[in-house]
Amino acid sequence: MKGYYRIMLGRKSAHAAECFAGGFIGTDFGIHEDLSRKLPDEWRSFNKECIPVYIAKHPDKSKVTAGLACGAIWTVSKGIQKGDRVLCPDGAGSYRVGEAMGDYYYAEGQILPHRRKVHWLDTTIVRSAMSEALQNSTGSIGTVCDVTDYHDELERLIGDAPSSQAPIIAGDPDIEDPAAFAMEKHLESFLVANWNQTLLAKDYSIYEEDGEPVGQQYATDAGPIDVLAISKDKKRLLVVELKRGRASDVVVGQVLRYMGFVREQVAEDDQVVEGVIIALDDDQRMRWALLSVPSISFYRYQISFKLLKA
């Protein structure tokens, strides 16, 4: 299955026109050197070498920002495979769709010098045609966003697959509460949009850089962290993992892996890393696991939907 990536072509799509005309995508981030011999097959090794270089050039930036920047460079330069598709905002409310055609090359002295050749399709996706979940994902802050999870919807929007889609049926015996089932699909977006109304907001804020939240879907070698937050006093980093439905002990190991990555790759020497699991319910196995991991907390969420007559 081909991958799908939302790629920003410069801040606020400033370089979109040049990329569409020139048949390429690219990144910059102030790393002005040919990376042809410096792109390993996995991005953690690349970040280990790239992050110190980035911070040296941008001493005012945090490790979180450095990790996002270097991760974006690697993904565009190496991670995207030939045949994968990219969605790039045109700055006017639509997305151009392209197919990755070539390997990395360096365009010295030009905009977005870390480049890949792209064949732009005769396809434009209007943002309003996307589902709410896909709109939220493609609208996330950052240069690169992996939207492969929306493969089927994107195939339909592009025209490579039948337009029919099985609806959620109120009488489906496998769905106890259709309204809750539908709303759970937007759990992460809802949490981020309403963060200030949650209990977590008392002590934590979603990680920001230059006034923009960058902590949603923060990439790690173990997968993306749903939300990375930081305490008001900047002394604690919080890994937030969202689970639709019931959570079991497996998620504890997942959160520990994320915490280990943040502790090793992101946290400053004086920062503590903690974790939170948010789910509709838990089970006894997870309760036993959490007894031995006091640095991870558990929260339940509630979803309800009703009509009130005016």
Protein backbone atom coordinates (compact mmCIF):
# COMPACT_ATOMS: atom_id res chain seq x y z
CA MET A 1 0.00 0.00 0.00
CA LYS A 2 1.40 3.39 -0.98
CA GLY A 3 2.01 5.97 1.72
CA TYR A 4 0.41 9.41 1.85
CA TYR A 5 2.10 12.50 3.30
CA ARG A 6 0.95 16.09 3.75
CA ILE A 7 3.95 18.31 2.95
CA MET A 8 4.17 22.05 3.54
CA LEU A 9 6.17 23.81 0.82
CA GLY A 10 7.59 26.65 2.87
CA ARG A 11 5.92 28.61 5.64
CA LYS A 12 2.28 29.23 4.68
CA SER A 13 2.99 27.49 1.32
CA ALA A 14 5.30 30.33 0.29
CA HIS A 15 7.17 28.12 -2.22
CA ALA A 16 4.24 26.07 -3.49
CA ALA A 17 4.09 27.71 -6.92
CA GLU A 18 7.80 27.09 -7.59
CA CYS A 19 7.50 23.47 -6.49
CA PHE A 20 4.46 22.82 -8.66
CA ALA A 21 6.16 24.40 -11.66
CA GLY A 22 9.50 22.67 -11.04
CA GLY A 23 8.16 19.22 -10.22
CA PHE A 24 9.69 18.80 -6.76
CA ILE A 25 9.14 18.93 -3.02
CA GLY A 26 11.82 19.97 -0.54
CA THR A 27 12.91 21.20 2.88
CA ASP A 28 15.45 23.67 4.21
CA PHE A 29 15.65 24.37 8.00
CA GLY A 30 19.02 26.08 7.54
CA ILE A 31 20.91 22.83 6.88
CA HIS A 32 22.86 23.91 3.81
CA GLU A 33 24.93 20.89 2.81
CA ASP A 34 24.53 17.92 0.50
CA LEU A 35 23.06 15.04 2.52
CA SER A 36 23.40 12.39 -0.20
CA ARG A 37 25.84 10.35 1.90
CA LYS A 38 24.21 11.17 5.23
CA LEU A 39 20.75 9.60 4.90
CA PRO A 40 20.60 6.28 6.77
CA ASP A 41 17.68 3.90 6.36
CA GLU A 42 16.13 4.85 9.70
CA TRP A 43 15.55 8.36 10.90
CA ARG A 44 16.72 7.97 14.49
CA SER A 45 20.34 7.64 13.33
CA PHE A 46 19.87 10.70 11.11
CA ASN A 47 18.40 12.74 13.97
CA LYS A 48 21.30 11.80 16.22
CA GLU A 49 23.69 13.46 13.77
CA CYS A 50 21.38 16.23 12.56
CA ILE A 51 19.99 17.61 15.83
CA PRO A 52 23.33 18.95 17.15
CA VAL A 53 23.94 20.63 13.78
CA TYR A 54 20.48 22.21 13.83
CA ILE A 55 20.83 23.45 17.41
CA ALA A 56 24.26 24.91 16.64
CA LYS A 57 22.67 26.94 13.83
CA HIS A 58 19.57 27.77 15.90
CA PRO A 59 20.71 28.03 19.55
CA ASP A 60 17.39 29.55 20.60
CA LYS A 61 15.43 26.44 19.52
CA SER A 62 14.52 23.48 21.72
CA LYS A 63 15.31 19.79 21.21
CA VAL A 64 11.64 19.26 20.37
CA THR A 65 11.81 21.74 17.50
CA ALA A 66 15.16 20.31 16.39
CA GLY A 67 13.71 16.80 16.36
CA LEU A 68 10.72 17.90 14.28
CA ALA A 69 12.95 19.75 11.80
CA CYS A 70 15.45 16.93 11.34
CA GLY A 71 12.66 14.36 11.18
CA ALA A 72 10.99 16.35 8.41
CA ILE A 73 14.25 16.59 6.45
CA TRP A 74 14.76 12.81 6.67
CA THR A 75 11.16 11.96 5.77
CA VAL A 76 11.11 14.14 2.66
CA SER A 77 14.65 13.16 1.64
CA LYS A 78 14.57 9.43 2.45
CA GLY A 79 11.44 8.21 4.22
CA ILE A 80 9.00 8.87 1.40
CA GLN A 81 9.30 6.00 -1.06
CA LYS A 82 9.01 6.13 -4.83
CA GLY A 83 5.34 5.77 -5.67
CA ASP A 84 4.16 7.32 -2.40
CA ARG A 85 1.90 10.31 -2.76
CA VAL A 86 2.17 13.78 -1.31
CA LEU A 87 -0.54 16.35 -0.64
CA CYS A 88 0.70 19.92 -0.70
CA PRO A 89 -1.44 22.96 0.20
CA ASP A 90 -1.55 25.52 -2.58
CA GLY A 91 -2.22 28.41 -0.20
CA ALA A 92 -5.76 28.85 -1.45
CA GLY A 93 -7.67 26.11 0.38
CA SER A 94 -6.83 23.15 -1.85
CA TYR A 95 -4.19 20.43 -2.07
CA ARG A 96 -2.15 19.44 -5.11
CA VAL A 97 -1.44 15.72 -5.28
CA GLY A 98 1.91 14.41 -6.46
CA GLU A 99 3.71 11.09 -6.75
CA ALA A 100 7.32 10.72 -5.60
CA MET A 101 9.44 9.77 -8.63
CA GLY A 102 13.11 10.10 -7.75
CA ASP A 103 15.75 9.90 -5.04
CA TYR A 104 17.13 12.74 -2.95
CA TYR A 105 19.15 15.48 -4.61
CA TYR A 106 20.63 18.73 -3.32
CA ALA A 107 19.89 22.04 -5.06
CA GLU A 108 22.61 24.29 -3.67
CA GLY A 109 21.69 27.95 -3.26
CA GLN A 110 18.03 27.42 -4.17
CA ILE A 111 14.81 27.35 -2.20
CA LEU A 112 14.07 24.13 -0.30
CA PRO A 113 17.42 22.61 -1.36
CA HIS A 114 16.82 19.08 0.06
CA ARG A 115 14.61 17.84 -2.77
CA ARG A 116 12.76 14.95 -4.37
CA LYS A 117 11.36 14.83 -7.88
CA VAL A 118 7.56 14.67 -7.96
CA HIS A 119 5.08 14.09 -10.75
CA TRP A 120 2.14 16.34 -10.03
CA LEU A 121 -1.17 14.71 -10.93
CA ASP A 122 -3.99 16.54 -12.63
CA THR A 123 -5.82 16.34 -9.33
CA THR A 124 -6.71 18.98 -6.78
CA ILE A 125 -8.46 18.13 -3.52
CA VAL A 126 -10.56 20.88 -2.02
CA ARG A 127 -10.14 20.89 1.73
CA SER A 128 -13.89 21.08 2.33
CA ALA A 129 -14.32 17.74 0.50
CA MET A 130 -12.29 15.93 3.17
CA SER A 131 -13.79 14.30 6.24
CA GLU A 132 -13.44 16.27 9.46
CA ALA A 133 -10.85 13.81 10.74
CA LEU A 134 -8.72 14.15 7.60
CA GLN A 135 -9.04 17.95 7.70
CA ASN A 136 -7.75 17.92 11.27
CA SER A 137 -4.83 15.67 10.39
CA THR A 138 -3.75 17.57 7.28
CA GLY A 139 -4.14 20.83 9.19
CA SER A 140 -1.72 19.84 11.95
CA ILE A 141 1.28 22.05 12.60
CA GLY A 142 4.55 20.91 11.02
CA THR A 143 6.20 20.46 7.67
CA VAL A 144 5.40 16.76 7.31
CA CYS A 145 2.32 14.83 8.37
CA ASP A 146 1.84 11.12 7.64
CA VAL A 147 -1.80 10.65 6.57
CA THR A 148 -1.50 7.08 5.29
CA ASP A 149 -4.22 6.05 7.77
CA TYR A 150 -6.65 7.91 5.45
CA HIS A 151 -5.49 5.92 2.42
CA ASP A 152 -8.98 4.72 1.44
CA GLU A 153 -10.57 8.17 1.68
CA LEU A 154 -7.71 9.77 -0.25
CA GLU A 155 -7.93 7.14 -2.97
CA ARG A 156 -11.61 7.98 -3.38
CA LEU A 157 -10.94 11.73 -3.45
CA ILE A 158 -8.24 11.28 -6.07
CA GLY A 159 -10.41 8.93 -8.10
CA ASP A 160 -8.41 5.71 -7.79
CA ALA A 161 -11.09 3.82 -5.85
CA PRO A 162 -14.89 3.44 -5.86
CA SER A 163 -16.70 6.30 -4.17
CA SER A 164 -18.92 4.09 -2.06
CA GLN A 165 -18.21 3.93 1.64
CA ALA A 166 -19.96 1.79 4.21
CA PRO A 167 -21.89 4.08 6.57
CA ILE A 168 -22.30 3.65 10.29
CA ILE A 169 -25.74 2.12 10.68
CA ALA A 170 -27.72 2.77 13.83
CA GLY A 171 -29.01 -0.81 13.87
CA ASP A 172 -25.60 -2.47 13.49
CA PRO A 173 -25.43 -5.05 16.31
CA ASP A 174 -21.64 -4.63 16.56
CA ILE A 175 -21.94 -0.94 17.46
CA GLU A 176 -23.35 -0.35 20.92
CA ASP A 177 -23.59 3.44 20.59
CA PRO A 178 -23.29 4.74 17.00
CA ALA A 179 -23.00 8.40 18.05
CA ALA A 180 -20.18 7.67 20.49
CA PHE A 181 -18.49 5.38 17.94
CA ALA A 182 -18.41 8.21 15.40
CA MET A 183 -17.24 10.84 17.87
CA GLU A 184 -14.43 8.64 19.18
CA LYS A 185 -12.79 8.85 15.72
CA HIS A 186 -12.17 12.53 16.48
CA LEU A 187 -10.96 11.99 20.05
CA GLU A 188 -7.45 13.36 19.52
CA SER A 189 -8.62 16.45 17.62
CA PHE A 190 -11.27 17.11 20.26
CA LEU A 191 -8.77 16.80 23.10
CA VAL A 192 -6.31 19.18 21.44
CA ALA A 193 -9.01 21.72 20.56
CA ASN A 194 -10.44 21.62 24.10
CA TRP A 195 -7.20 21.14 26.03
CA ASN A 196 -7.81 24.17 28.25
CA GLN A 197 -11.04 22.62 29.54
CA THR A 198 -9.35 19.38 30.68
CA LEU A 199 -7.84 18.51 34.06
CA LEU A 200 -4.43 18.23 32.43
CA ALA A 201 -4.47 21.90 31.44
CA LYS A 202 -4.11 22.92 35.10
CA ASP A 203 -0.47 21.82 35.07
CA TYR A 204 0.42 21.22 31.41
CA SER A 205 0.29 22.91 28.02
CA ILE A 206 0.62 21.25 24.62
CA TYR A 207 4.23 21.79 23.56
CA GLU A 208 4.64 25.00 21.56
CA GLU A 209 7.43 26.60 19.59
CA ASP A 210 7.23 30.24 18.50
CA GLY A 211 3.63 30.34 19.69
CA GLU A 212 2.52 27.38 17.58
CA PRO A 213 1.59 23.95 19.03
CA VAL A 214 4.01 21.30 17.78
CA GLY A 215 3.23 18.58 20.30
CA GLN A 216 0.41 16.83 18.42
CA GLN A 217 1.48 13.62 16.63
CA TYR A 218 5.12 14.06 17.66
CA ALA A 219 7.21 11.51 15.75
CA THR A 220 9.36 8.92 17.52
CA ASP A 221 11.05 5.75 16.31
CA ALA A 222 8.33 3.80 18.15
CA GLY A 223 5.54 5.66 16.35
CA PRO A 224 3.90 9.07 16.77
CA ILE A 225 3.06 10.34 20.26
CA ASP A 226 -0.56 11.50 20.25
CA VAL A 227 0.23 14.58 22.35
CA LEU A 228 3.46 15.83 23.89
CA ALA A 229 2.88 18.38 26.65
CA ILE A 230 5.09 20.38 29.00
CA SER A 231 4.43 21.59 32.54
CA LYS A 232 3.90 25.27 33.28
CA ASP A 233 7.27 25.40 35.08
CA LYS A 234 9.00 23.66 32.12
CA LYS A 235 10.32 20.91 34.43
CA ARG A 236 8.15 18.00 33.23
CA LEU A 237 7.36 16.57 29.82
CA LEU A 238 4.14 14.58 29.46
CA VAL A 239 3.50 11.80 26.94
CA VAL A 240 -0.25 11.48 26.29
CA GLU A 241 -1.57 8.30 24.65
CA LEU A 242 -5.23 8.12 23.57
CA LYS A 243 -7.05 4.82 23.20
CA ARG A 244 -10.54 4.49 21.80
CA GLY A 245 -12.57 2.09 23.90
CA ARG A 246 -10.96 -0.12 26.55
CA ALA A 247 -7.22 0.03 27.27
CA SER A 248 -5.19 -2.98 28.39
CA ASP A 249 -1.69 -3.54 29.76
CA VAL A 250 -0.19 -3.49 26.25
CA VAL A 251 -0.55 0.29 26.14
CA VAL A 252 1.61 0.64 29.26
CA GLY A 253 4.59 -0.79 27.38
CA GLN A 254 3.84 1.48 24.44
CA VAL A 255 3.84 4.58 26.65
CA LEU A 256 7.05 3.47 28.35
CA ARG A 257 8.74 3.22 24.94
CA TYR A 258 7.61 6.73 24.08
CA MET A 259 8.77 8.02 27.45
CA GLY A 260 12.16 6.39 26.96
CA PHE A 261 12.55 8.10 23.60
CA VAL A 262 11.55 11.49 25.02
CA ARG A 263 13.91 11.06 27.98
CA GLU A 264 16.85 10.16 25.71
CA GLN A 265 16.24 12.33 22.66
CA VAL A 266 14.12 15.30 23.74
CA ALA A 267 14.24 16.10 27.46
CA GLU A 268 16.77 18.48 28.93
CA ASP A 269 18.94 17.17 31.77
CA ASP A 270 16.74 18.75 34.45
CA GLN A 271 13.39 17.63 32.99
CA VAL A 272 11.32 14.68 34.21
CA VAL A 273 9.25 12.60 31.76
CA GLU A 274 5.79 11.33 32.73
CA GLY A 275 2.96 9.57 30.91
CA VAL A 276 -0.82 9.62 30.73
CA ILE A 277 -3.18 7.06 29.21
CA ILE A 278 -6.67 8.27 28.27
CA ALA A 279 -9.31 5.68 27.37
CA LEU A 280 -12.99 4.93 27.74
CA ASP A 281 -12.22 2.18 30.26
CA ASP A 282 -9.39 -0.01 31.54
CA ASP A 283 -9.05 -3.62 32.70
CA GLN A 284 -7.50 -5.41 35.67
CA ARG A 285 -4.29 -6.22 33.81
CA MET A 286 -3.62 -2.55 33.15
CA ARG A 287 -4.39 -1.64 36.76
CA TRP A 288 -1.80 -4.18 37.93
CA ALA A 289 0.75 -2.86 35.44
CA LEU A 290 0.23 0.75 36.51
CA LEU A 291 0.79 -0.14 40.18
CA SER A 292 4.45 -0.66 39.28
CA VAL A 293 4.73 2.45 37.09
CA PRO A 294 3.80 5.50 39.21
CA SER A 295 5.05 7.84 36.49
CA ILE A 296 2.06 6.88 34.28
CA SER A 297 -1.47 8.00 35.14
CA PHE A 298 -4.81 6.88 33.75
CA TYR A 299 -7.83 9.04 32.84
CA ARG A 300 -11.22 7.98 31.51
CA TYR A 301 -13.09 10.01 28.94
CA GLN A 302 -16.86 10.23 28.56
CA ILE A 303 -18.80 10.81 25.35
CA SER A 304 -22.47 11.72 25.20
CA PHE A 305 -24.82 13.01 22.55
CA LYS A 306 -28.37 14.21 23.07
CA LEU A 307 -30.89 16.73 21.74
CA LEU A 308 -32.45 19.34 24.03
CA LYS A 309 -35.72 20.92 22.96
CA ALA A 310 -35.54 24.69 23.05
